[in-house]
Amino acid sequence: MESAISRDYYLGAQGKIGNPQMIRLKNMLESEEVKNASARVIYLHHHPFDPKANMQLHDADRLKKALGGRNVDILLFGHNHNGWKWNGWWNIERCYDAGTSTRKEGKAGYHRIMEHNSNSSKDC
C-alpha cells in the first residue's frame, strides 16, 4: 500500500497501491517464474472491491486491469476483517477477506484452510 496518505484520498478507508507498486505487480505477474508457478496468490491489506462507499482500494480499477487475464488463483485481503467469501469477483475463483485472528465486534475470528489443487467449495 502507498506508504503515506496523500491529498487524493477521500473520507473512509480506501488505501492505495500506487503507480510504482502497480508496475512491479504487473511485471511480476508477467514473469515466467510466476506464470509457471503452481499457484498465484495475491495478498493485499485493503479490500479491493468492497461495495460500501469509500472502503475499497482507491485504485481498484487499475488493480483489476493489472490482474485481468493473468491467472490469479487466490486473492486475499483484510482491512474490514469480516471473514467473508468474495469468490468469483474479478473472475478469480477464490477471494477471501481475512477476518481477524481474534475477534471483531464480539464475532468469532475466521481461519481458512485451502487446498489449492481443489476447487473453492472444499475450502473451510
N, C-alpha and C. Protein backbone atom coordinates (compact mmCIF):
# COMPACT_ATOMS: atom_id res chain seq x y z
N MET A 1 0.83 -1.18 0.00
CA MET A 1 0.00 0.00 0.00
C MET A 1 0.87 1.24 0.00
N GLU A 2 0.32 2.28 -0.50
CA GLU A 2 1.09 3.51 -0.54
C GLU A 2 1.52 3.88 0.87
N SER A 3 2.77 4.29 1.02
CA SER A 3 3.33 4.48 2.36
C SER A 3 2.85 5.73 3.07
N ALA A 4 2.29 6.67 2.37
CA ALA A 4 1.84 7.89 3.02
C ALA A 4 0.49 8.31 2.46
N ILE A 5 -0.32 8.87 3.32
CA ILE A 5 -1.63 9.35 2.88
C ILE A 5 -1.41 10.67 2.13
N SER A 6 -2.04 10.78 0.97
CA SER A 6 -1.89 11.98 0.17
C SER A 6 -3.23 12.69 0.02
N ARG A 7 -3.21 13.83 -0.62
CA ARG A 7 -4.41 14.65 -0.75
C ARG A 7 -5.51 14.01 -1.59
N ASP A 8 -5.17 13.03 -2.39
CA ASP A 8 -6.19 12.45 -3.27
C ASP A 8 -7.03 11.38 -2.57
N TYR A 9 -6.84 11.22 -1.27
CA TYR A 9 -7.69 10.28 -0.52
C TYR A 9 -9.01 10.95 -0.18
N TYR A 10 -10.03 10.12 -0.16
CA TYR A 10 -11.34 10.59 0.25
C TYR A 10 -11.56 10.15 1.69
N LEU A 11 -12.68 10.54 2.25
CA LEU A 11 -13.03 10.03 3.58
C LEU A 11 -13.25 8.53 3.49
N GLY A 12 -12.96 7.84 4.51
CA GLY A 12 -13.13 6.39 4.50
C GLY A 12 -11.81 5.71 4.70
N ALA A 13 -11.71 4.49 4.26
CA ALA A 13 -10.51 3.68 4.48
C ALA A 13 -10.13 2.96 3.19
N GLN A 14 -9.88 3.71 2.16
CA GLN A 14 -9.67 3.12 0.85
C GLN A 14 -8.31 2.46 0.65
N GLY A 15 -7.25 3.08 1.04
CA GLY A 15 -5.93 2.57 0.73
C GLY A 15 -5.61 2.80 -0.74
N LYS A 16 -4.34 2.65 -1.08
CA LYS A 16 -3.91 2.88 -2.46
C LYS A 16 -2.66 2.07 -2.72
N ILE A 17 -2.62 1.39 -3.84
CA ILE A 17 -1.43 0.64 -4.21
C ILE A 17 -0.38 1.59 -4.77
N GLY A 18 -0.77 2.49 -5.63
CA GLY A 18 0.16 3.46 -6.20
C GLY A 18 0.84 2.94 -7.45
N ASN A 19 1.33 3.85 -8.25
CA ASN A 19 1.90 3.53 -9.55
C ASN A 19 3.15 2.64 -9.47
N PRO A 20 4.14 2.95 -8.64
CA PRO A 20 5.35 2.10 -8.62
C PRO A 20 5.04 0.64 -8.26
N GLN A 21 4.20 0.42 -7.26
CA GLN A 21 3.87 -0.95 -6.88
C GLN A 21 3.00 -1.64 -7.91
N MET A 22 2.13 -0.88 -8.58
CA MET A 22 1.28 -1.46 -9.62
C MET A 22 2.14 -1.97 -10.78
N ILE A 23 3.14 -1.20 -11.15
CA ILE A 23 4.04 -1.60 -12.23
C ILE A 23 4.82 -2.85 -11.82
N ARG A 24 5.34 -2.87 -10.59
CA ARG A 24 6.08 -4.05 -10.12
C ARG A 24 5.19 -5.29 -10.11
N LEU A 25 3.93 -5.12 -9.69
CA LEU A 25 3.00 -6.25 -9.66
C LEU A 25 2.77 -6.79 -11.06
N LYS A 26 2.49 -5.92 -12.02
CA LYS A 26 2.27 -6.37 -13.41
C LYS A 26 3.50 -7.09 -13.95
N ASN A 27 4.68 -6.54 -13.68
CA ASN A 27 5.91 -7.19 -14.15
C ASN A 27 6.09 -8.56 -13.51
N MET A 28 5.82 -8.68 -12.23
CA MET A 28 5.94 -9.97 -11.57
C MET A 28 4.97 -10.99 -12.16
N LEU A 29 3.72 -10.57 -12.39
CA LEU A 29 2.72 -11.48 -12.92
C LEU A 29 3.04 -11.93 -14.34
N GLU A 30 3.78 -11.12 -15.06
CA GLU A 30 4.15 -11.47 -16.44
C GLU A 30 5.46 -12.24 -16.52
N SER A 31 6.16 -12.42 -15.39
CA SER A 31 7.42 -13.16 -15.40
C SER A 31 7.17 -14.65 -15.62
N GLU A 32 8.12 -15.32 -16.23
CA GLU A 32 7.99 -16.76 -16.47
C GLU A 32 7.89 -17.54 -15.16
N GLU A 33 8.62 -17.10 -14.15
CA GLU A 33 8.59 -17.79 -12.86
C GLU A 33 7.17 -17.81 -12.29
N VAL A 34 6.50 -16.69 -12.34
CA VAL A 34 5.14 -16.62 -11.80
C VAL A 34 4.15 -17.32 -12.73
N LYS A 35 4.30 -17.15 -14.02
CA LYS A 35 3.41 -17.84 -14.97
C LYS A 35 3.46 -19.35 -14.79
N ASN A 36 4.64 -19.88 -14.45
CA ASN A 36 4.82 -21.33 -14.30
C ASN A 36 4.62 -21.83 -12.88
N ALA A 37 4.26 -20.96 -11.96
CA ALA A 37 4.06 -21.35 -10.56
C ALA A 37 2.83 -22.26 -10.44
N SER A 38 2.83 -23.10 -9.43
CA SER A 38 1.68 -23.99 -9.23
C SER A 38 0.45 -23.22 -8.73
N ALA A 39 0.65 -22.07 -8.12
CA ALA A 39 -0.46 -21.22 -7.68
C ALA A 39 0.03 -19.78 -7.61
N ARG A 40 -0.86 -18.85 -7.97
CA ARG A 40 -0.56 -17.43 -7.89
C ARG A 40 -1.51 -16.81 -6.88
N VAL A 41 -0.92 -16.35 -5.77
CA VAL A 41 -1.69 -15.79 -4.66
C VAL A 41 -1.30 -14.33 -4.49
N ILE A 42 -2.29 -13.46 -4.44
CA ILE A 42 -2.07 -12.03 -4.21
C ILE A 42 -2.60 -11.70 -2.82
N TYR A 43 -1.77 -11.02 -2.03
CA TYR A 43 -2.16 -10.56 -0.70
C TYR A 43 -2.25 -9.05 -0.71
N LEU A 44 -3.32 -8.50 -0.16
CA LEU A 44 -3.49 -7.06 -0.04
C LEU A 44 -3.89 -6.73 1.39
N HIS A 45 -3.64 -5.52 1.79
CA HIS A 45 -4.16 -5.08 3.09
C HIS A 45 -5.61 -4.60 2.93
N HIS A 46 -5.83 -3.68 2.02
CA HIS A 46 -7.17 -3.10 1.84
C HIS A 46 -8.05 -3.96 0.95
N HIS A 47 -9.33 -3.83 1.16
CA HIS A 47 -10.34 -4.55 0.40
C HIS A 47 -10.35 -4.02 -1.03
N PRO A 48 -10.19 -4.89 -2.04
CA PRO A 48 -10.14 -4.40 -3.42
C PRO A 48 -11.49 -4.05 -4.02
N PHE A 49 -12.59 -4.62 -3.52
CA PHE A 49 -13.87 -4.36 -4.18
C PHE A 49 -15.04 -4.30 -3.21
N ASP A 50 -14.88 -3.67 -2.11
CA ASP A 50 -15.96 -3.54 -1.14
C ASP A 50 -17.05 -2.64 -1.72
N PRO A 51 -18.30 -3.10 -1.74
CA PRO A 51 -19.36 -2.26 -2.31
C PRO A 51 -19.74 -1.06 -1.44
N LYS A 52 -19.27 -1.01 -0.19
CA LYS A 52 -19.56 0.15 0.66
C LYS A 52 -18.75 1.35 0.17
N ALA A 53 -19.37 2.50 0.21
CA ALA A 53 -18.71 3.72 -0.25
C ALA A 53 -17.40 3.95 0.50
N ASN A 54 -16.37 4.30 -0.24
CA ASN A 54 -15.06 4.68 0.30
C ASN A 54 -14.38 3.61 1.15
N MET A 55 -14.63 2.34 0.86
CA MET A 55 -13.97 1.28 1.61
C MET A 55 -13.06 0.42 0.72
N GLN A 56 -13.20 0.50 -0.58
CA GLN A 56 -12.35 -0.30 -1.45
C GLN A 56 -11.09 0.50 -1.81
N LEU A 57 -10.13 -0.17 -2.41
CA LEU A 57 -8.91 0.49 -2.83
C LEU A 57 -9.20 1.71 -3.70
N HIS A 58 -8.45 2.75 -3.48
CA HIS A 58 -8.59 3.98 -4.27
C HIS A 58 -8.34 3.70 -5.75
N ASP A 59 -7.38 2.82 -6.04
CA ASP A 59 -7.05 2.49 -7.43
C ASP A 59 -7.48 1.06 -7.79
N ALA A 60 -8.65 0.67 -7.33
CA ALA A 60 -9.17 -0.68 -7.56
C ALA A 60 -9.33 -1.00 -9.05
N ASP A 61 -9.77 -0.03 -9.84
CA ASP A 61 -9.94 -0.29 -11.28
C ASP A 61 -8.61 -0.63 -11.95
N ARG A 62 -7.56 0.06 -11.54
CA ARG A 62 -6.22 -0.23 -12.10
C ARG A 62 -5.74 -1.61 -11.66
N LEU A 63 -6.02 -1.98 -10.42
CA LEU A 63 -5.64 -3.31 -9.95
C LEU A 63 -6.40 -4.38 -10.72
N LYS A 64 -7.68 -4.18 -10.93
CA LYS A 64 -8.47 -5.16 -11.68
C LYS A 64 -7.87 -5.38 -13.07
N LYS A 65 -7.47 -4.31 -13.74
CA LYS A 65 -6.83 -4.43 -15.06
C LYS A 65 -5.50 -5.14 -14.96
N ALA A 66 -4.72 -4.85 -13.91
CA ALA A 66 -3.41 -5.49 -13.74
C ALA A 66 -3.54 -6.98 -13.52
N LEU A 67 -4.59 -7.41 -12.82
CA LEU A 67 -4.78 -8.83 -12.52
C LEU A 67 -5.50 -9.57 -13.64
N GLY A 68 -6.25 -8.85 -14.46
CA GLY A 68 -7.07 -9.46 -15.51
C GLY A 68 -6.27 -10.32 -16.47
N GLY A 69 -6.74 -11.54 -16.68
CA GLY A 69 -6.12 -12.43 -17.65
C GLY A 69 -4.78 -12.99 -17.23
N ARG A 70 -4.41 -12.82 -15.98
CA ARG A 70 -3.09 -13.29 -15.54
C ARG A 70 -3.19 -14.50 -14.62
N ASN A 71 -4.29 -15.21 -14.65
CA ASN A 71 -4.46 -16.47 -13.92
C ASN A 71 -4.13 -16.37 -12.44
N VAL A 72 -4.69 -15.40 -11.77
CA VAL A 72 -4.55 -15.30 -10.32
C VAL A 72 -5.47 -16.35 -9.71
N ASP A 73 -4.93 -17.19 -8.85
CA ASP A 73 -5.70 -18.28 -8.26
C ASP A 73 -6.43 -17.86 -6.99
N ILE A 74 -5.76 -17.06 -6.17
CA ILE A 74 -6.33 -16.67 -4.88
C ILE A 74 -6.01 -15.21 -4.62
N LEU A 75 -7.02 -14.46 -4.18
CA LEU A 75 -6.84 -13.07 -3.78
C LEU A 75 -7.26 -12.95 -2.32
N LEU A 76 -6.30 -12.58 -1.47
CA LEU A 76 -6.54 -12.47 -0.03
C LEU A 76 -6.37 -11.02 0.40
N PHE A 77 -7.22 -10.57 1.32
CA PHE A 77 -7.15 -9.18 1.78
C PHE A 77 -7.78 -9.09 3.15
N GLY A 78 -7.60 -7.97 3.79
CA GLY A 78 -8.13 -7.78 5.14
C GLY A 78 -8.83 -6.46 5.25
N HIS A 79 -8.34 -5.64 6.12
CA HIS A 79 -8.81 -4.30 6.43
C HIS A 79 -10.18 -4.29 7.08
N ASN A 80 -11.20 -4.81 6.42
CA ASN A 80 -12.52 -4.87 7.04
C ASN A 80 -12.62 -6.01 8.05
N HIS A 81 -11.89 -7.07 7.81
CA HIS A 81 -11.77 -8.21 8.72
C HIS A 81 -13.11 -8.83 9.08
N ASN A 82 -13.93 -9.06 8.07
CA ASN A 82 -15.22 -9.71 8.29
C ASN A 82 -15.17 -11.21 8.05
N GLY A 83 -14.16 -11.68 7.35
CA GLY A 83 -14.04 -13.11 7.07
C GLY A 83 -14.99 -13.60 5.99
N TRP A 84 -15.43 -12.71 5.12
CA TRP A 84 -16.40 -13.08 4.09
C TRP A 84 -15.72 -13.68 2.88
N LYS A 85 -16.49 -14.47 2.13
CA LYS A 85 -16.05 -15.00 0.84
C LYS A 85 -16.53 -14.06 -0.26
N TRP A 86 -15.65 -13.76 -1.20
CA TRP A 86 -15.98 -12.94 -2.36
C TRP A 86 -15.64 -13.71 -3.62
N ASN A 87 -15.73 -15.02 -3.55
CA ASN A 87 -15.31 -15.89 -4.65
C ASN A 87 -15.99 -15.51 -5.96
N GLY A 88 -15.18 -15.49 -7.02
CA GLY A 88 -15.70 -15.18 -8.35
C GLY A 88 -15.56 -13.73 -8.75
N TRP A 89 -15.33 -12.83 -7.79
CA TRP A 89 -15.17 -11.42 -8.14
C TRP A 89 -13.94 -11.29 -9.03
N TRP A 90 -14.02 -10.45 -10.00
CA TRP A 90 -12.95 -10.19 -10.97
C TRP A 90 -12.50 -11.49 -11.65
N ASN A 91 -13.39 -12.47 -11.73
CA ASN A 91 -13.08 -13.77 -12.34
C ASN A 91 -11.94 -14.51 -11.64
N ILE A 92 -11.82 -14.31 -10.34
CA ILE A 92 -10.84 -15.02 -9.53
C ILE A 92 -11.63 -16.00 -8.65
N GLU A 93 -11.32 -17.30 -8.78
CA GLU A 93 -12.12 -18.31 -8.09
C GLU A 93 -12.18 -18.11 -6.58
N ARG A 94 -11.05 -17.81 -5.96
CA ARG A 94 -11.01 -17.68 -4.50
C ARG A 94 -10.63 -16.25 -4.11
N CYS A 95 -11.54 -15.57 -3.44
CA CYS A 95 -11.31 -14.23 -2.92
C CYS A 95 -11.83 -14.21 -1.50
N TYR A 96 -10.94 -13.94 -0.54
CA TYR A 96 -11.33 -14.01 0.86
C TYR A 96 -10.87 -12.78 1.63
N ASP A 97 -11.79 -12.24 2.41
CA ASP A 97 -11.49 -11.24 3.42
C ASP A 97 -10.91 -12.02 4.60
N ALA A 98 -9.76 -11.62 5.08
CA ALA A 98 -9.01 -12.42 6.05
C ALA A 98 -9.67 -12.54 7.42
N GLY A 99 -10.60 -11.73 7.76
CA GLY A 99 -11.13 -11.81 9.11
C GLY A 99 -10.08 -11.35 10.10
N THR A 100 -10.16 -11.82 11.32
CA THR A 100 -9.16 -11.49 12.33
C THR A 100 -8.73 -12.77 13.02
N SER A 101 -7.58 -12.74 13.63
CA SER A 101 -7.12 -13.93 14.35
C SER A 101 -7.78 -14.02 15.72
N THR A 102 -8.37 -12.94 16.18
CA THR A 102 -9.05 -12.95 17.48
C THR A 102 -10.54 -12.72 17.27
N ARG A 103 -11.02 -11.56 17.59
CA ARG A 103 -12.45 -11.26 17.44
C ARG A 103 -12.62 -9.81 16.98
N LYS A 104 -13.72 -9.57 16.30
CA LYS A 104 -14.08 -8.21 15.91
C LYS A 104 -15.53 -8.00 16.28
N GLU A 105 -15.79 -6.96 17.03
CA GLU A 105 -17.15 -6.61 17.43
C GLU A 105 -17.87 -7.81 18.06
N GLY A 106 -17.15 -8.61 18.84
CA GLY A 106 -17.76 -9.74 19.53
C GLY A 106 -18.00 -10.97 18.68
N LYS A 107 -17.62 -10.92 17.38
CA LYS A 107 -17.81 -12.05 16.48
C LYS A 107 -16.60 -12.98 16.55
N ALA A 108 -16.80 -14.23 16.25
CA ALA A 108 -15.70 -15.20 16.24
C ALA A 108 -14.72 -14.86 15.13
N GLY A 109 -13.44 -15.18 15.35
CA GLY A 109 -12.42 -15.00 14.33
C GLY A 109 -12.57 -16.04 13.23
N TYR A 110 -11.96 -15.79 12.08
CA TYR A 110 -12.04 -16.70 10.94
C TYR A 110 -10.66 -17.24 10.60
N HIS A 111 -10.61 -18.50 10.30
CA HIS A 111 -9.39 -19.14 9.82
C HIS A 111 -9.81 -19.99 8.63
N ARG A 112 -9.05 -19.93 7.55
CA ARG A 112 -9.39 -20.68 6.35
C ARG A 112 -8.34 -21.75 6.10
N ILE A 113 -8.81 -22.89 5.63
CA ILE A 113 -7.94 -23.95 5.17
C ILE A 113 -8.26 -24.16 3.69
N MET A 114 -7.22 -24.03 2.85
CA MET A 114 -7.43 -24.15 1.41
C MET A 114 -6.44 -25.15 0.84
N GLU A 115 -6.92 -25.96 -0.05
CA GLU A 115 -6.08 -26.87 -0.83
C GLU A 115 -6.09 -26.32 -2.24
N HIS A 116 -4.98 -25.73 -2.69
CA HIS A 116 -5.03 -25.01 -3.96
C HIS A 116 -5.24 -25.95 -5.16
N ASN A 117 -5.10 -27.24 -4.98
CA ASN A 117 -5.33 -28.18 -6.09
C ASN A 117 -6.80 -28.61 -6.19
N SER A 118 -7.64 -28.14 -5.28
CA SER A 118 -9.06 -28.48 -5.35
C SER A 118 -9.86 -27.20 -5.58
N ASN A 119 -11.16 -27.36 -5.85
CA ASN A 119 -11.95 -26.15 -6.09
C ASN A 119 -12.35 -25.50 -4.77
N SER A 120 -12.82 -24.26 -4.85
CA SER A 120 -13.10 -23.46 -3.67
C SER A 120 -14.21 -24.03 -2.80
N SER A 121 -15.04 -24.91 -3.32
CA SER A 121 -16.13 -25.46 -2.50
C SER A 121 -15.59 -26.33 -1.37
N LYS A 122 -14.34 -26.77 -1.46
CA LYS A 122 -13.75 -27.59 -0.40
C LYS A 122 -13.06 -26.75 0.67
N ASP A 123 -12.95 -25.44 0.45
CA ASP A 123 -12.32 -24.57 1.45
C ASP A 123 -13.20 -24.50 2.69
N CYS A 124 -12.57 -24.38 3.81
CA CYS A 124 -13.36 -24.22 5.05
C CYS A 124 -12.78 -23.09 5.88
